[in-house]
């Protein structure tokens, strides 16, 4: 058992999600969420990653996939 990824998403991967402030200001995240609770969750997660308050790799992966409309 395993999992697969997309090469184009890994090209978009950025451990520091540098584009987050610009995309956040544009309201980009609202295009991916279904309700306010989900928005608050992802907003907090991406903000924490961008500010380097969390040491992980997977939220950045989600960000990259979302960024390329995956």
PDB file of N, CA and C in Angstrom:
ATOM      1  N   UNK A   1       0.837  -1.174   0.000  1.00  0.00           N
ATOM      2  CA  UNK A   1       0.000   0.000   0.000  1.00  0.00           C
ATOM      3  C   UNK A   1       0.887   1.243   0.000  1.00  0.00           C
ATOM      4  N   UNK A   2       0.468   2.282  -0.689  1.00  0.00           N
ATOM      5  CA  UNK A   2       1.240   3.508  -0.751  1.00  0.00           C
ATOM      6  C   UNK A   2       0.394   4.646  -1.252  1.00  0.00           C
ATOM      7  N   UNK A   3       1.035   5.705  -1.617  1.00  0.00           N
ATOM      8  CA  UNK A   3       0.301   6.846  -2.158  1.00  0.00           C
ATOM      9  C   UNK A   3       1.101   7.470  -3.277  1.00  0.00           C
ATOM     10  N   UNK A   4       0.399   8.140  -4.154  1.00  0.00           N
ATOM     11  CA  UNK A   4       1.035   8.751  -5.316  1.00  0.00           C
ATOM     12  C   UNK A   4       0.872  10.265  -5.235  1.00  0.00           C
ATOM     13  N   UNK A   5       1.731  10.967  -5.937  1.00  0.00           N
ATOM     14  CA  UNK A   5       1.662  12.421  -5.973  1.00  0.00           C
ATOM     15  C   UNK A   5       1.774  12.891  -7.411  1.00  0.00           C
ATOM     16  N   UNK A   6       1.591  14.166  -7.588  1.00  0.00           N
ATOM     17  CA  UNK A   6       1.676  14.748  -8.910  1.00  0.00           C
ATOM     18  C   UNK A   6       2.966  15.535  -9.035  1.00  0.00           C
ATOM     19  N   UNK A   7       3.670  15.314 -10.111  1.00  0.00           N
ATOM     20  CA  UNK A   7       4.920  16.024 -10.344  1.00  0.00           C
ATOM     21  C   UNK A   7       4.698  17.527 -10.376  1.00  0.00           C
ATOM     22  N   UNK A   8       3.597  17.965 -11.004  1.00  0.00           N
ATOM     23  CA  UNK A   8       3.341  19.403 -11.099  1.00  0.00           C
ATOM     24  C   UNK A   8       3.074  20.020  -9.730  1.00  0.00           C
ATOM     25  N   UNK A   9       2.501  19.257  -8.811  1.00  0.00           N
ATOM     26  CA  UNK A   9       2.275  19.778  -7.464  1.00  0.00           C
ATOM     27  C   UNK A   9       3.593  19.909  -6.710  1.00  0.00           C
ATOM     28  N   UNK A  10       4.483  18.938  -6.874  1.00  0.00           N
ATOM     29  CA  UNK A  10       5.774  19.048  -6.199  1.00  0.00           C
ATOM     30  C   UNK A  10       6.571  20.230  -6.739  1.00  0.00           C
ATOM     31  N   UNK A  11       6.379  20.574  -7.998  1.00  0.00           N
ATOM     32  CA  UNK A  11       7.040  21.771  -8.532  1.00  0.00           C
ATOM     33  C   UNK A  11       6.519  23.032  -7.852  1.00  0.00           C
ATOM     34  N   UNK A  12       5.266  23.007  -7.405  1.00  0.00           N
ATOM     35  CA  UNK A  12       4.654  24.159  -6.740  1.00  0.00           C
ATOM     36  C   UNK A  12       4.926  24.158  -5.234  1.00  0.00           C
ATOM     37  N   UNK A  13       5.512  23.091  -4.720  1.00  0.00           N
ATOM     38  CA  UNK A  13       5.742  22.951  -3.285  1.00  0.00           C
ATOM     39  C   UNK A  13       6.761  23.968  -2.800  1.00  0.00           C
ATOM     40  N   UNK A  14       6.411  24.654  -1.710  1.00  0.00           N
ATOM     41  CA  UNK A  14       7.310  25.620  -1.068  1.00  0.00           C
ATOM     42  C   UNK A  14       7.141  25.458   0.433  1.00  0.00           C
ATOM     43  N   UNK A  15       8.165  25.011   1.102  1.00  0.00           N
ATOM     44  CA  UNK A  15       8.081  24.714   2.525  1.00  0.00           C
ATOM     45  C   UNK A  15       7.687  25.944   3.347  1.00  0.00           C
ATOM     46  N   UNK A  16       7.991  27.140   2.860  1.00  0.00           N
ATOM     47  CA  UNK A  16       7.666  28.372   3.593  1.00  0.00           C
ATOM     48  C   UNK A  16       6.391  29.050   3.097  1.00  0.00           C
ATOM     49  N   UNK A  17       5.731  28.471   2.122  1.00  0.00           N
ATOM     50  CA  UNK A  17       4.535  29.014   1.466  1.00  0.00           C
ATOM     51  C   UNK A  17       4.593  30.548   1.347  1.00  0.00           C
ATOM     52  N   UNK A  18       5.619  31.014   0.658  1.00  0.00           N
ATOM     53  CA  UNK A  18       5.875  32.449   0.500  1.00  0.00           C
ATOM     54  C   UNK A  18       4.717  33.204  -0.143  1.00  0.00           C
ATOM     55  N   UNK A  19       3.944  32.533  -0.967  1.00  0.00           N
ATOM     56  CA  UNK A  19       2.827  33.200  -1.642  1.00  0.00           C
ATOM     57  C   UNK A  19       1.600  33.389  -0.759  1.00  0.00           C
ATOM     58  N   UNK A  20       1.609  32.826   0.433  1.00  0.00           N
ATOM     59  CA  UNK A  20       0.443  32.879   1.301  1.00  0.00           C
ATOM     60  C   UNK A  20      -0.064  34.309   1.566  1.00  0.00           C
ATOM     61  N   UNK A  21       0.775  35.261   1.960  1.00  0.00           N
ATOM     62  CA  UNK A  21       0.234  36.598   2.252  1.00  0.00           C
ATOM     63  C   UNK A  21      -0.499  37.224   1.054  1.00  0.00           C
ATOM     64  N   UNK A  22       0.053  37.073  -0.131  1.00  0.00           N
ATOM     65  CA  UNK A  22      -0.589  37.635  -1.322  1.00  0.00           C
ATOM     66  C   UNK A  22      -1.917  36.930  -1.613  1.00  0.00           C
ATOM     67  N   UNK A  23      -1.906  35.608  -1.573  1.00  0.00           N
ATOM     68  CA  UNK A  23      -3.121  34.850  -1.848  1.00  0.00           C
ATOM     69  C   UNK A  23      -4.179  35.083  -0.771  1.00  0.00           C
ATOM     70  N   UNK A  24      -3.743  35.186   0.475  1.00  0.00           N
ATOM     71  CA  UNK A  24      -4.671  35.461   1.569  1.00  0.00           C
ATOM     72  C   UNK A  24      -5.368  36.804   1.345  1.00  0.00           C
ATOM     73  N   UNK A  25      -4.605  37.814   0.990  1.00  0.00           N
ATOM     74  CA  UNK A  25      -5.160  39.156   0.756  1.00  0.00           C
ATOM     75  C   UNK A  25      -6.165  39.156  -0.401  1.00  0.00           C
ATOM     76  N   UNK A  26      -5.969  38.256  -1.345  1.00  0.00           N
ATOM     77  CA  UNK A  26      -6.864  38.163  -2.504  1.00  0.00           C
ATOM     78  C   UNK A  26      -8.123  37.349  -2.222  1.00  0.00           C
ATOM     79  N   UNK A  27      -8.212  36.741  -1.039  1.00  0.00           N
ATOM     80  CA  UNK A  27      -9.377  35.923  -0.711  1.00  0.00           C
ATOM     81  C   UNK A  27      -9.354  34.559  -1.375  1.00  0.00           C
ATOM     82  N   UNK A  28      -8.188  34.143  -1.806  1.00  0.00           N
ATOM     83  CA  UNK A  28      -7.997  32.886  -2.530  1.00  0.00           C
ATOM     84  C   UNK A  28      -8.545  31.671  -1.787  1.00  0.00           C
ATOM     85  N   UNK A  29      -8.329  31.602  -0.488  1.00  0.00           N
ATOM     86  CA  UNK A  29      -8.709  30.415   0.283  1.00  0.00           C
ATOM     87  C   UNK A  29     -10.212  30.157   0.235  1.00  0.00           C
ATOM     88  N   UNK A  30     -11.003  31.190   0.148  1.00  0.00           N
ATOM     89  CA  UNK A  30     -12.469  31.021   0.134  1.00  0.00           C
ATOM     90  C   UNK A  30     -12.946  30.206  -1.064  1.00  0.00           C
ATOM     91  N   UNK A  31     -12.141  30.088  -2.091  1.00  0.00           N
ATOM     92  CA  UNK A  31     -12.538  29.302  -3.264  1.00  0.00           C
ATOM     93  C   UNK A  31     -12.404  27.799  -3.018  1.00  0.00           C
ATOM     94  N   UNK A  32     -11.783  27.410  -1.902  1.00  0.00           N
ATOM     95  CA  UNK A  32     -11.532  25.997  -1.624  1.00  0.00           C
ATOM     96  C   UNK A  32     -12.306  25.445  -0.443  1.00  0.00           C
ATOM     97  N   UNK A  33     -12.959  26.291   0.308  1.00  0.00           N
ATOM     98  CA  UNK A  33     -13.608  25.826   1.537  1.00  0.00           C
ATOM     99  C   UNK A  33     -15.125  25.905   1.412  1.00  0.00           C
ATOM    100  N   UNK A  34     -15.800  25.109   2.222  1.00  0.00           N
ATOM    101  CA  UNK A  34     -17.252  25.001   2.156  1.00  0.00           C
ATOM    102  C   UNK A  34     -17.980  25.768   3.254  1.00  0.00           C
ATOM    103  N   UNK A  35     -17.250  26.101   4.332  1.00  0.00           N
ATOM    104  CA  UNK A  35     -17.910  26.798   5.432  1.00  0.00           C
ATOM    105  C   UNK A  35     -16.888  27.588   6.248  1.00  0.00           C
ATOM    106  N   UNK A  36     -17.388  28.370   7.200  1.00  0.00           N
ATOM    107  CA  UNK A  36     -16.515  29.224   7.998  1.00  0.00           C
ATOM    108  C   UNK A  36     -15.543  28.434   8.875  1.00  0.00           C
ATOM    109  N   UNK A  37     -15.996  27.310   9.403  1.00  0.00           N
ATOM    110  CA  UNK A  37     -15.113  26.497  10.252  1.00  0.00           C
ATOM    111  C   UNK A  37     -13.928  25.975   9.452  1.00  0.00           C
ATOM    112  N   UNK A  38     -14.187  25.515   8.255  1.00  0.00           N
ATOM    113  CA  UNK A  38     -13.104  25.018   7.391  1.00  0.00           C
ATOM    114  C   UNK A  38     -12.165  26.167   7.006  1.00  0.00           C
ATOM    115  N   UNK A  39     -12.735  27.324   6.724  1.00  0.00           N
ATOM    116  CA  UNK A  39     -11.915  28.494   6.408  1.00  0.00           C
ATOM    117  C   UNK A  39     -10.993  28.837   7.577  1.00  0.00           C
ATOM    118  N   UNK A  40     -11.543  28.878   8.778  1.00  0.00           N
ATOM    119  CA  UNK A  40     -10.724  29.215   9.956  1.00  0.00           C
ATOM    120  C   UNK A  40      -9.603  28.188  10.160  1.00  0.00           C
ATOM    121  N   UNK A  41      -9.916  26.915   9.943  1.00  0.00           N
ATOM    122  CA  UNK A  41      -8.918  25.860  10.106  1.00  0.00           C
ATOM    123  C   UNK A  41      -7.734  26.062   9.156  1.00  0.00           C
ATOM    124  N   UNK A  42      -8.026  26.160   7.850  1.00  0.00           N
ATOM    125  CA  UNK A  42      -6.957  26.280   6.863  1.00  0.00           C
ATOM    126  C   UNK A  42      -6.246  27.625   6.971  1.00  0.00           C
ATOM    127  N   UNK A  43      -6.975  28.674   7.260  1.00  0.00           N
ATOM    128  CA  UNK A  43      -6.354  29.984   7.420  1.00  0.00           C
ATOM    129  C   UNK A  43      -5.331  29.946   8.558  1.00  0.00           C
ATOM    130  N   UNK A  44      -5.711  29.391   9.698  1.00  0.00           N
ATOM    131  CA  UNK A  44      -4.810  29.277  10.839  1.00  0.00           C
ATOM    132  C   UNK A  44      -3.623  28.378  10.520  1.00  0.00           C
ATOM    133  N   UNK A  45      -3.884  27.269   9.842  1.00  0.00           N
ATOM    134  CA  UNK A  45      -2.797  26.341   9.493  1.00  0.00           C
ATOM    135  C   UNK A  45      -1.780  27.021   8.576  1.00  0.00           C
ATOM    136  N   UNK A  46      -2.252  27.641   7.515  1.00  0.00           N
ATOM    137  CA  UNK A  46      -1.329  28.275   6.570  1.00  0.00           C
ATOM    138  C   UNK A  46      -0.609  29.460   7.204  1.00  0.00           C
ATOM    139  N   UNK A  47      -1.297  30.207   8.046  1.00  0.00           N
ATOM    140  CA  UNK A  47      -0.655  31.332   8.722  1.00  0.00           C
ATOM    141  C   UNK A  47       0.453  30.838   9.647  1.00  0.00           C
ATOM    142  N   UNK A  48       0.188  29.783  10.391  1.00  0.00           N
ATOM    143  CA  UNK A  48       1.194  29.217  11.296  1.00  0.00           C
ATOM    144  C   UNK A  48       2.411  28.707  10.534  1.00  0.00           C
ATOM    145  N   UNK A  49       2.166  28.073   9.409  1.00  0.00           N
ATOM    146  CA  UNK A  49       3.270  27.577   8.581  1.00  0.00           C
ATOM    147  C   UNK A  49       4.084  28.744   8.051  1.00  0.00           C
ATOM    148  N   UNK A  50       3.401  29.734   7.513  1.00  0.00           N
ATOM    149  CA  UNK A  50       4.095  30.887   6.941  1.00  0.00           C
ATOM    150  C   UNK A  50       4.944  31.607   7.994  1.00  0.00           C
ATOM    151  N   UNK A  51       4.449  31.694   9.213  1.00  0.00           N
ATOM    152  CA  UNK A  51       5.186  32.355  10.297  1.00  0.00           C
ATOM    153  C   UNK A  51       6.196  31.422  10.960  1.00  0.00           C
ATOM    154  N   UNK A  52       6.320  30.213  10.437  1.00  0.00           N
ATOM    155  CA  UNK A  52       7.262  29.196  10.917  1.00  0.00           C
ATOM    156  C   UNK A  52       7.033  28.835  12.385  1.00  0.00           C
ATOM    157  N   UNK A  53       5.767  28.772  12.769  1.00  0.00           N
ATOM    158  CA  UNK A  53       5.404  28.363  14.120  1.00  0.00           C
ATOM    159  C   UNK A  53       5.187  26.858  14.209  1.00  0.00           C
ATOM    160  N   UNK A  54       5.094  26.202  13.057  1.00  0.00           N
ATOM    161  CA  UNK A  54       4.869  24.764  12.995  1.00  0.00           C
ATOM    162  C   UNK A  54       5.918  24.161  12.071  1.00  0.00           C
ATOM    163  N   UNK A  55       6.513  23.059  12.494  1.00  0.00           N
ATOM    164  CA  UNK A  55       7.520  22.374  11.687  1.00  0.00           C
ATOM    165  C   UNK A  55       6.899  21.114  11.097  1.00  0.00           C
ATOM    166  N   UNK A  56       6.478  21.210   9.855  1.00  0.00           N
ATOM    167  CA  UNK A  56       5.831  20.088   9.178  1.00  0.00           C
ATOM    168  C   UNK A  56       6.052  20.238   7.671  1.00  0.00           C
ATOM    169  N   UNK A  57       5.595  19.288   6.928  1.00  0.00           N
ATOM    170  CA  UNK A  57       5.693  19.378   5.465  1.00  0.00           C
ATOM    171  C   UNK A  57       4.332  19.231   4.795  1.00  0.00           C
ATOM    172  N   UNK A  58       3.370  18.646   5.499  1.00  0.00           N
ATOM    173  CA  UNK A  58       2.123  18.247   4.843  1.00  0.00           C
ATOM    174  C   UNK A  58       1.154  19.391   4.571  1.00  0.00           C
ATOM    175  N   UNK A  59       1.097  20.385   5.439  1.00  0.00           N
ATOM    176  CA  UNK A  59       0.230  21.519   5.135  1.00  0.00           C
ATOM    177  C   UNK A  59       0.736  22.269   3.903  1.00  0.00           C
ATOM    178  N   UNK A  60       2.043  22.322   3.743  1.00  0.00           N
ATOM    179  CA  UNK A  60       2.609  22.952   2.547  1.00  0.00           C
ATOM    180  C   UNK A  60       2.227  22.163   1.301  1.00  0.00           C
ATOM    181  N   UNK A  61       2.141  20.854   1.447  1.00  0.00           N
ATOM    182  CA  UNK A  61       1.712  20.012   0.321  1.00  0.00           C
ATOM    183  C   UNK A  61       0.263  20.343  -0.051  1.00  0.00           C
ATOM    184  N   UNK A  62      -0.600  20.431   0.949  1.00  0.00           N
ATOM    185  CA  UNK A  62      -2.002  20.805   0.691  1.00  0.00           C
ATOM    186  C   UNK A  62      -2.069  22.172   0.019  1.00  0.00           C
ATOM    187  N   UNK A  63      -1.280  23.106   0.491  1.00  0.00           N
ATOM    188  CA  UNK A  63      -1.231  24.446  -0.089  1.00  0.00           C
ATOM    189  C   UNK A  63      -0.830  24.365  -1.563  1.00  0.00           C
ATOM    190  N   UNK A  64       0.211  23.596  -1.856  1.00  0.00           N
ATOM    191  CA  UNK A  64       0.680  23.464  -3.249  1.00  0.00           C
ATOM    192  C   UNK A  64      -0.395  22.858  -4.136  1.00  0.00           C
ATOM    193  N   UNK A  65      -1.068  21.830  -3.661  1.00  0.00           N
ATOM    194  CA  UNK A  65      -2.125  21.190  -4.458  1.00  0.00           C
ATOM    195  C   UNK A  65      -3.269  22.156  -4.692  1.00  0.00           C
ATOM    196  N   UNK A  66      -3.684  22.861  -3.652  1.00  0.00           N
ATOM    197  CA  UNK A  66      -4.752  23.845  -3.799  1.00  0.00           C
ATOM    198  C   UNK A  66      -4.343  24.955  -4.790  1.00  0.00           C
ATOM    199  N   UNK A  67      -3.097  25.373  -4.670  1.00  0.00           N
ATOM    200  CA  UNK A  67      -2.602  26.467  -5.506  1.00  0.00           C
ATOM    201  C   UNK A  67      -2.683  26.145  -7.001  1.00  0.00           C
ATOM    202  N   UNK A  68      -2.498  24.871  -7.342  1.00  0.00           N
ATOM    203  CA  UNK A  68      -2.552  24.488  -8.760  1.00  0.00           C
ATOM    204  C   UNK A  68      -3.902  23.879  -9.128  1.00  0.00           C
ATOM    205  N   UNK A  69      -4.886  24.111  -8.254  1.00  0.00           N
ATOM    206  CA  UNK A  69      -6.245  23.604  -8.473  1.00  0.00           C
ATOM    207  C   UNK A  69      -6.296  22.085  -8.588  1.00  0.00           C
ATOM    208  N   UNK A  70      -5.522  21.433  -7.734  1.00  0.00           N
ATOM    209  CA  UNK A  70      -5.461  19.979  -7.751  1.00  0.00           C
ATOM    210  C   UNK A  70      -6.603  19.330  -7.025  1.00  0.00           C
TER     211      UNK A  70
END
